Amino acid sequence: MLELVYLPMSNQEAVWFKDDPEVEPLLRESDFYVIGGRPEAKFIDFEEDDEILTLRFAIEGGPSDEVRLDIRSLPRRRRQ
């Protein structure tokens, strides 16, 4: 069993909390820390369909997902 002195946090959260006067003493109770990571994600297998305005691609590296963007459903950006 592993007893934690504080909840697991991301690198971004560590930056936010590093100078927090309430969190710092709790983190100092820890005898060690763990760094976890994930493989680099890559976008692969691009397919575009200009007729129906879609873009398909896959994400590789760790859990894989296939993505389909329907360009017509995206909010329009107003030009200034």
PDB file of N, CA and C in Angstrom:
ATOM      1  N   MET A   1       0.843  -1.184   0.000  1.00  0.00           N
ATOM      2  CA  MET A   1       0.000   0.000   0.000  1.00  0.00           C
ATOM      3  C   MET A   1       0.884   1.242   0.000  1.00  0.00           C
ATOM      4  N   LEU A   2       0.494   2.212  -0.788  1.00  0.00           N
ATOM      5  CA  LEU A   2       1.233   3.460  -0.878  1.00  0.00           C
ATOM      6  C   LEU A   2       0.402   4.559  -0.234  1.00  0.00           C
ATOM      7  N   GLU A   3       0.966   5.204   0.758  1.00  0.00           N
ATOM      8  CA  GLU A   3       0.274   6.305   1.416  1.00  0.00           C
ATOM      9  C   GLU A   3       0.812   7.616   0.860  1.00  0.00           C
ATOM     10  N   LEU A   4      -0.066   8.403   0.287  1.00  0.00           N
ATOM     11  CA  LEU A   4       0.342   9.658  -0.326  1.00  0.00           C
ATOM     12  C   LEU A   4       0.230  10.807   0.666  1.00  0.00           C
ATOM     13  N   VAL A   5       1.166  11.757   0.557  1.00  0.00           N
ATOM     14  CA  VAL A   5       1.086  12.953   1.404  1.00  0.00           C
ATOM     15  C   VAL A   5       0.232  14.024   0.744  1.00  0.00           C
ATOM     16  N   TYR A   6       0.031  13.878  -0.569  1.00  0.00           N
ATOM     17  CA  TYR A   6      -0.791  14.838  -1.314  1.00  0.00           C
ATOM     18  C   TYR A   6      -1.334  14.131  -2.541  1.00  0.00           C
ATOM     19  N   LEU A   7      -2.400  14.655  -3.089  1.00  0.00           N
ATOM     20  CA  LEU A   7      -2.998  14.065  -4.288  1.00  0.00           C
ATOM     21  C   LEU A   7      -2.020  14.089  -5.456  1.00  0.00           C
ATOM     22  N   PRO A   8      -2.077  13.108  -6.359  1.00  0.00           N
ATOM     23  CA  PRO A   8      -1.230  13.179  -7.555  1.00  0.00           C
ATOM     24  C   PRO A   8      -1.535  14.453  -8.332  1.00  0.00           C
ATOM     25  N   MET A   9      -0.499  15.028  -8.947  1.00  0.00           N
ATOM     26  CA  MET A   9      -0.704  16.281  -9.685  1.00  0.00           C
ATOM     27  C   MET A   9       0.134  16.276 -10.954  1.00  0.00           C
ATOM     28  N   SER A  10      -0.312  17.048 -11.900  1.00  0.00           N
ATOM     29  CA  SER A  10       0.425  17.204 -13.156  1.00  0.00           C
ATOM     30  C   SER A  10       1.578  18.177 -12.959  1.00  0.00           C
ATOM     31  N   ASN A  11       2.454  18.258 -13.952  1.00  0.00           N
ATOM     32  CA  ASN A  11       3.545  19.233 -13.891  1.00  0.00           C
ATOM     33  C   ASN A  11       2.998  20.645 -13.797  1.00  0.00           C
ATOM     34  N   GLN A  12       1.917  20.924 -14.529  1.00  0.00           N
ATOM     35  CA  GLN A  12       1.333  22.263 -14.499  1.00  0.00           C
ATOM     36  C   GLN A  12       0.830  22.595 -13.100  1.00  0.00           C
ATOM     37  N   GLU A  13       0.170  21.637 -12.459  1.00  0.00           N
ATOM     38  CA  GLU A  13      -0.314  21.873 -11.093  1.00  0.00           C
ATOM     39  C   GLU A  13       0.849  22.064 -10.119  1.00  0.00           C
ATOM     40  N   ALA A  14       1.928  21.339 -10.334  1.00  0.00           N
ATOM     41  CA  ALA A  14       3.100  21.499  -9.464  1.00  0.00           C
ATOM     42  C   ALA A  14       3.640  22.924  -9.548  1.00  0.00           C
ATOM     43  N   VAL A  15       3.654  23.480 -10.744  1.00  0.00           N
ATOM     44  CA  VAL A  15       4.104  24.868 -10.911  1.00  0.00           C
ATOM     45  C   VAL A  15       3.162  25.814 -10.171  1.00  0.00           C
ATOM     46  N   TRP A  16       1.867  25.570 -10.296  1.00  0.00           N
ATOM     47  CA  TRP A  16       0.889  26.439  -9.626  1.00  0.00           C
ATOM     48  C   TRP A  16       1.022  26.382  -8.109  1.00  0.00           C
ATOM     49  N   PHE A  17       1.263  25.163  -7.554  1.00  0.00           N
ATOM     50  CA  PHE A  17       1.244  24.964  -6.106  1.00  0.00           C
ATOM     51  C   PHE A  17       2.599  25.096  -5.431  1.00  0.00           C
ATOM     52  N   LYS A  18       3.696  25.206  -6.190  1.00  0.00           N
ATOM     53  CA  LYS A  18       5.027  25.136  -5.574  1.00  0.00           C
ATOM     54  C   LYS A  18       5.266  26.207  -4.517  1.00  0.00           C
ATOM     55  N   ASP A  19       4.670  27.366  -4.658  1.00  0.00           N
ATOM     56  CA  ASP A  19       4.868  28.443  -3.680  1.00  0.00           C
ATOM     57  C   ASP A  19       3.644  28.677  -2.797  1.00  0.00           C
ATOM     58  N   ASP A  20       2.697  27.765  -2.829  1.00  0.00           N
ATOM     59  CA  ASP A  20       1.481  27.891  -2.023  1.00  0.00           C
ATOM     60  C   ASP A  20       1.836  27.578  -0.565  1.00  0.00           C
ATOM     61  N   PRO A  21       1.640  28.524   0.348  1.00  0.00           N
ATOM     62  CA  PRO A  21       2.045  28.302   1.746  1.00  0.00           C
ATOM     63  C   PRO A  21       1.282  27.173   2.441  1.00  0.00           C
ATOM     64  N   GLU A  22       0.110  26.807   1.950  1.00  0.00           N
ATOM     65  CA  GLU A  22      -0.630  25.702   2.573  1.00  0.00           C
ATOM     66  C   GLU A  22      -0.188  24.344   2.026  1.00  0.00           C
ATOM     67  N   VAL A  23       0.239  24.308   0.795  1.00  0.00           N
ATOM     68  CA  VAL A  23       0.592  23.037   0.157  1.00  0.00           C
ATOM     69  C   VAL A  23       2.048  22.665   0.414  1.00  0.00           C
ATOM     70  N   GLU A  24       2.928  23.634   0.425  1.00  0.00           N
ATOM     71  CA  GLU A  24       4.368  23.361   0.549  1.00  0.00           C
ATOM     72  C   GLU A  24       4.723  22.481   1.746  1.00  0.00           C
ATOM     73  N   PRO A  25       4.214  22.744   2.954  1.00  0.00           N
ATOM     74  CA  PRO A  25       4.584  21.876   4.092  1.00  0.00           C
ATOM     75  C   PRO A  25       4.136  20.425   3.892  1.00  0.00           C
ATOM     76  N   LEU A  26       2.995  20.231   3.260  1.00  0.00           N
ATOM     77  CA  LEU A  26       2.527  18.867   3.004  1.00  0.00           C
ATOM     78  C   LEU A  26       3.467  18.148   2.049  1.00  0.00           C
ATOM     79  N   LEU A  27       3.888  18.839   0.983  1.00  0.00           N
ATOM     80  CA  LEU A  27       4.780  18.221   0.010  1.00  0.00           C
ATOM     81  C   LEU A  27       6.149  17.928   0.606  1.00  0.00           C
ATOM     82  N   ARG A  28       6.573  18.717   1.562  1.00  0.00           N
ATOM     83  CA  ARG A  28       7.879  18.484   2.196  1.00  0.00           C
ATOM     84  C   ARG A  28       7.882  17.216   3.053  1.00  0.00           C
ATOM     85  N   GLU A  29       6.715  16.693   3.396  1.00  0.00           N
ATOM     86  CA  GLU A  29       6.635  15.452   4.166  1.00  0.00           C
ATOM     87  C   GLU A  29       6.970  14.231   3.318  1.00  0.00           C
ATOM     88  N   SER A  30       7.006  14.392   2.015  1.00  0.00           N
ATOM     89  CA  SER A  30       7.250  13.271   1.121  1.00  0.00           C
ATOM     90  C   SER A  30       8.726  12.889   1.113  1.00  0.00           C
ATOM     91  N   ASP A  31       9.003  11.585   1.125  1.00  0.00           N
ATOM     92  CA  ASP A  31      10.375  11.091   1.055  1.00  0.00           C
ATOM     93  C   ASP A  31      10.844  10.916  -0.387  1.00  0.00           C
ATOM     94  N   PHE A  32       9.933  10.860  -1.317  1.00  0.00           N
ATOM     95  CA  PHE A  32      10.297  10.686  -2.718  1.00  0.00           C
ATOM     96  C   PHE A  32       9.189  11.237  -3.606  1.00  0.00           C
ATOM     97  N   TYR A  33       9.507  11.368  -4.870  1.00  0.00           N
ATOM     98  CA  TYR A  33       8.493  11.790  -5.819  1.00  0.00           C
ATOM     99  C   TYR A  33       8.618  10.919  -7.067  1.00  0.00           C
ATOM    100  N   VAL A  34       7.579  10.898  -7.852  1.00  0.00           N
ATOM    101  CA  VAL A  34       7.533  10.063  -9.049  1.00  0.00           C
ATOM    102  C   VAL A  34       7.249  10.956 -10.244  1.00  0.00           C
ATOM    103  N   ILE A  35       7.972  10.719 -11.302  1.00  0.00           N
ATOM    104  CA  ILE A  35       7.697  11.422 -12.546  1.00  0.00           C
ATOM    105  C   ILE A  35       7.135  10.397 -13.527  1.00  0.00           C
ATOM    106  N   GLY A  36       5.970  10.664 -14.039  1.00  0.00           N
ATOM    107  CA  GLY A  36       5.363   9.780 -15.026  1.00  0.00           C
ATOM    108  C   GLY A  36       5.284  10.493 -16.360  1.00  0.00           C
ATOM    109  N   GLY A  37       5.211   9.747 -17.387  1.00  0.00           N
ATOM    110  CA  GLY A  37       5.117  10.353 -18.709  1.00  0.00           C
ATOM    111  C   GLY A  37       4.347   9.471 -19.657  1.00  0.00           C
ATOM    112  N   ARG A  38       4.189   9.943 -20.844  1.00  0.00           N
ATOM    113  CA  ARG A  38       3.524   9.174 -21.879  1.00  0.00           C
ATOM    114  C   ARG A  38       4.338   9.295 -23.151  1.00  0.00           C
ATOM    115  N   PRO A  39       4.144   8.387 -24.063  1.00  0.00           N
ATOM    116  CA  PRO A  39       4.874   8.499 -25.323  1.00  0.00           C
ATOM    117  C   PRO A  39       4.445   9.735 -26.103  1.00  0.00           C
ATOM    118  N   GLU A  40       5.294  10.160 -27.002  1.00  0.00           N
ATOM    119  CA  GLU A  40       4.965  11.298 -27.857  1.00  0.00           C
ATOM    120  C   GLU A  40       3.788  10.939 -28.756  1.00  0.00           C
ATOM    121  N   ALA A  41       2.825  11.833 -28.824  1.00  0.00           N
ATOM    122  CA  ALA A  41       1.662  11.609 -29.689  1.00  0.00           C
ATOM    123  C   ALA A  41       1.953  12.175 -31.077  1.00  0.00           C
ATOM    124  N   LYS A  42       1.491  11.460 -32.095  1.00  0.00           N
ATOM    125  CA  LYS A  42       1.675  11.906 -33.481  1.00  0.00           C
ATOM    126  C   LYS A  42       0.331  11.871 -34.197  1.00  0.00           C
ATOM    127  N   PHE A  43       0.121  12.838 -35.070  1.00  0.00           N
ATOM    128  CA  PHE A  43      -1.060  12.864 -35.915  1.00  0.00           C
ATOM    129  C   PHE A  43      -0.701  12.168 -37.219  1.00  0.00           C
ATOM    130  N   ILE A  44      -1.469  11.138 -37.593  1.00  0.00           N
ATOM    131  CA  ILE A  44      -1.146  10.342 -38.785  1.00  0.00           C
ATOM    132  C   ILE A  44      -2.398  10.100 -39.627  1.00  0.00           C
ATOM    133  N   ASP A  45      -2.179   9.565 -40.821  1.00  0.00           N
ATOM    134  CA  ASP A  45      -3.257   9.117 -41.714  1.00  0.00           C
ATOM    135  C   ASP A  45      -4.280  10.207 -42.017  1.00  0.00           C
ATOM    136  N   PHE A  46      -3.816  11.336 -42.497  1.00  0.00           N
ATOM    137  CA  PHE A  46      -4.722  12.442 -42.839  1.00  0.00           C
ATOM    138  C   PHE A  46      -5.509  12.129 -44.100  1.00  0.00           C
ATOM    139  N   GLU A  47      -6.803  12.406 -44.066  1.00  0.00           N
ATOM    140  CA  GLU A  47      -7.666  12.316 -45.238  1.00  0.00           C
ATOM    141  C   GLU A  47      -8.593  13.516 -45.202  1.00  0.00           C
ATOM    142  N   GLU A  48      -8.674  14.217 -46.326  1.00  0.00           N
ATOM    143  CA  GLU A  48      -9.600  15.342 -46.374  1.00  0.00           C
ATOM    144  C   GLU A  48     -10.586  15.121 -47.507  1.00  0.00           C
ATOM    145  N   ASP A  49     -11.776  15.605 -47.282  1.00  0.00           N
ATOM    146  CA  ASP A  49     -12.824  15.519 -48.295  1.00  0.00           C
ATOM    147  C   ASP A  49     -13.333  16.938 -48.528  1.00  0.00           C
ATOM    148  N   ASP A  50     -12.893  17.534 -49.620  1.00  0.00           N
ATOM    149  CA  ASP A  50     -13.269  18.917 -49.923  1.00  0.00           C
ATOM    150  C   ASP A  50     -14.745  19.049 -50.281  1.00  0.00           C
ATOM    151  N   GLU A  51     -15.337  17.950 -50.712  1.00  0.00           N
ATOM    152  CA  GLU A  51     -16.736  18.006 -51.132  1.00  0.00           C
ATOM    153  C   GLU A  51     -17.680  18.157 -49.935  1.00  0.00           C
ATOM    154  N   ILE A  52     -17.430  17.381 -48.882  1.00  0.00           N
ATOM    155  CA  ILE A  52     -18.303  17.487 -47.694  1.00  0.00           C
ATOM    156  C   ILE A  52     -17.604  18.187 -46.527  1.00  0.00           C
ATOM    157  N   LEU A  53     -16.427  18.754 -46.808  1.00  0.00           N
ATOM    158  CA  LEU A  53     -15.681  19.560 -45.835  1.00  0.00           C
ATOM    159  C   LEU A  53     -15.394  18.824 -44.527  1.00  0.00           C
ATOM    160  N   THR A  54     -14.739  17.677 -44.650  1.00  0.00           N
ATOM    161  CA  THR A  54     -14.331  16.938 -43.449  1.00  0.00           C
ATOM    162  C   THR A  54     -12.833  16.658 -43.510  1.00  0.00           C
ATOM    163  N   LEU A  55     -12.257  16.486 -42.347  1.00  0.00           N
ATOM    164  CA  LEU A  55     -10.857  16.113 -42.206  1.00  0.00           C
ATOM    165  C   LEU A  55     -10.818  14.961 -41.216  1.00  0.00           C
ATOM    166  N   ARG A  56     -10.196  13.861 -41.615  1.00  0.00           N
ATOM    167  CA  ARG A  56     -10.032  12.701 -40.737  1.00  0.00           C
ATOM    168  C   ARG A  56      -8.548  12.486 -40.494  1.00  0.00           C
ATOM    169  N   PHE A  57      -8.212  12.080 -39.268  1.00  0.00           N
ATOM    170  CA  PHE A  57      -6.834  11.708 -38.955  1.00  0.00           C
ATOM    171  C   PHE A  57      -6.847  10.840 -37.712  1.00  0.00           C
ATOM    172  N   ALA A  58      -5.717  10.203 -37.451  1.00  0.00           N
ATOM    173  CA  ALA A  58      -5.581   9.349 -36.270  1.00  0.00           C
ATOM    174  C   ALA A  58      -4.498   9.929 -35.373  1.00  0.00           C
ATOM    175  N   ILE A  59      -4.583   9.612 -34.098  1.00  0.00           N
ATOM    176  CA  ILE A  59      -3.573  10.011 -33.127  1.00  0.00           C
ATOM    177  C   ILE A  59      -2.873   8.745 -32.665  1.00  0.00           C
ATOM    178  N   GLU A  60      -1.553   8.717 -32.802  1.00  0.00           N
ATOM    179  CA  GLU A  60      -0.757   7.540 -32.473  1.00  0.00           C
ATOM    180  C   GLU A  60       0.172   7.870 -31.309  1.00  0.00           C
ATOM    181  N   GLY A  61       0.378   6.900 -30.439  1.00  0.00           N
ATOM    182  CA  GLY A  61       1.270   7.100 -29.291  1.00  0.00           C
ATOM    183  C   GLY A  61       0.446   6.983 -28.026  1.00  0.00           C
ATOM    184  N   GLY A  62       0.403   5.818 -27.434  1.00  0.00           N
ATOM    185  CA  GLY A  62      -0.474   5.597 -26.294  1.00  0.00           C
ATOM    186  C   GLY A  62      -1.839   5.193 -26.798  1.00  0.00           C
ATOM    187  N   PRO A  63      -2.878   5.495 -26.047  1.00  0.00           N
ATOM    188  CA  PRO A  63      -4.217   5.163 -26.532  1.00  0.00           C
ATOM    189  C   PRO A  63      -4.458   5.860 -27.872  1.00  0.00           C
ATOM    190  N   SER A  64      -4.948   5.116 -28.849  1.00  0.00           N
ATOM    191  CA  SER A  64      -5.113   5.659 -30.198  1.00  0.00           C
ATOM    192  C   SER A  64      -6.557   6.083 -30.418  1.00  0.00           C
ATOM    193  N   ASP A  65      -6.728   7.171 -31.120  1.00  0.00           N
ATOM    194  CA  ASP A  65      -8.058   7.675 -31.445  1.00  0.00           C
ATOM    195  C   ASP A  65      -8.102   8.057 -32.909  1.00  0.00           C
ATOM    196  N   GLU A  66      -9.264   7.891 -33.511  1.00  0.00           N
ATOM    197  CA  GLU A  66      -9.485   8.417 -34.848  1.00  0.00           C
ATOM    198  C   GLU A  66     -10.368   9.646 -34.698  1.00  0.00           C
ATOM    199  N   VAL A  67     -10.046  10.690 -35.414  1.00  0.00           N
ATOM    200  CA  VAL A  67     -10.742  11.966 -35.287  1.00  0.00           C
ATOM    201  C   VAL A  67     -11.357  12.331 -36.628  1.00  0.00           C
ATOM    202  N   ARG A  68     -12.577  12.858 -36.601  1.00  0.00           N
ATOM    203  CA  ARG A  68     -13.233  13.366 -37.803  1.00  0.00           C
ATOM    204  C   ARG A  68     -13.759  14.749 -37.481  1.00  0.00           C
ATOM    205  N   LEU A  69     -13.267  15.748 -38.206  1.00  0.00           N
ATOM    206  CA  LEU A  69     -13.729  17.123 -38.024  1.00  0.00           C
ATOM    207  C   LEU A  69     -14.658  17.492 -39.171  1.00  0.00           C
ATOM    208  N   ASP A  70     -15.839  17.934 -38.835  1.00  0.00           N
ATOM    209  CA  ASP A  70     -16.771  18.450 -39.832  1.00  0.00           C
ATOM    210  C   ASP A  70     -16.589  19.963 -39.839  1.00  0.00           C
ATOM    211  N   ILE A  71     -15.919  20.460 -40.862  1.00  0.00           N
ATOM    212  CA  ILE A  71     -15.551  21.874 -40.929  1.00  0.00           C
ATOM    213  C   ILE A  71     -16.792  22.768 -40.848  1.00  0.00           C
ATOM    214  N   ARG A  72     -17.901  22.320 -41.418  1.00  0.00           N
ATOM    215  CA  ARG A  72     -19.118  23.136 -41.406  1.00  0.00           C
ATOM    216  C   ARG A  72     -19.670  23.331 -39.998  1.00  0.00           C
ATOM    217  N   SER A  73     -19.365  22.433 -39.080  1.00  0.00           N
ATOM    218  CA  SER A  73     -19.909  22.547 -37.720  1.00  0.00           C
ATOM    219  C   SER A  73     -19.056  23.430 -36.810  1.00  0.00           C
ATOM    220  N   LEU A  74     -17.877  23.837 -37.268  1.00  0.00           N
ATOM    221  CA  LEU A  74     -17.023  24.694 -36.443  1.00  0.00           C
ATOM    222  C   LEU A  74     -17.542  26.122 -36.452  1.00  0.00           C
ATOM    223  N   PRO A  75     -17.411  26.835 -35.331  1.00  0.00           N
ATOM    224  CA  PRO A  75     -17.863  28.237 -35.298  1.00  0.00           C
ATOM    225  C   PRO A  75     -17.048  29.086 -36.270  1.00  0.00           C
ATOM    226  N   ARG A  76     -17.723  30.002 -36.903  1.00  0.00           N
ATOM    227  CA  ARG A  76     -17.037  30.894 -37.850  1.00  0.00           C
ATOM    228  C   ARG A  76     -16.304  31.985 -37.090  1.00  0.00           C
ATOM    229  N   ARG A  77     -15.169  32.350 -37.614  1.00  0.00           N
ATOM    230  CA  ARG A  77     -14.396  33.451 -37.041  1.00  0.00           C
ATOM    231  C   ARG A  77     -14.739  34.720 -37.798  1.00  0.00           C
ATOM    232  N   ARG A  78     -15.079  35.729 -37.058  1.00  0.00           N
ATOM    233  CA  ARG A  78     -15.435  37.002 -37.690  1.00  0.00           C
ATOM    234  C   ARG A  78     -14.181  37.778 -38.015  1.00  0.00           C
ATOM    235  N   ARG A  79     -14.106  38.279 -39.209  1.00  0.00           N
ATOM    236  CA  ARG A  79     -12.959  39.104 -39.619  1.00  0.00           C
ATOM    237  C   ARG A  79     -13.156  40.511 -39.118  1.00  0.00           C
ATOM    238  N   GLN A  80     -12.064  41.119 -38.731  1.00  0.00           N
ATOM    239  CA  GLN A  80     -12.147  42.489 -38.204  1.00  0.00           C
ATOM    240  C   GLN A  80     -11.622  43.485 -39.191  1.00  0.00           C
TER     241      GLN A  80
END
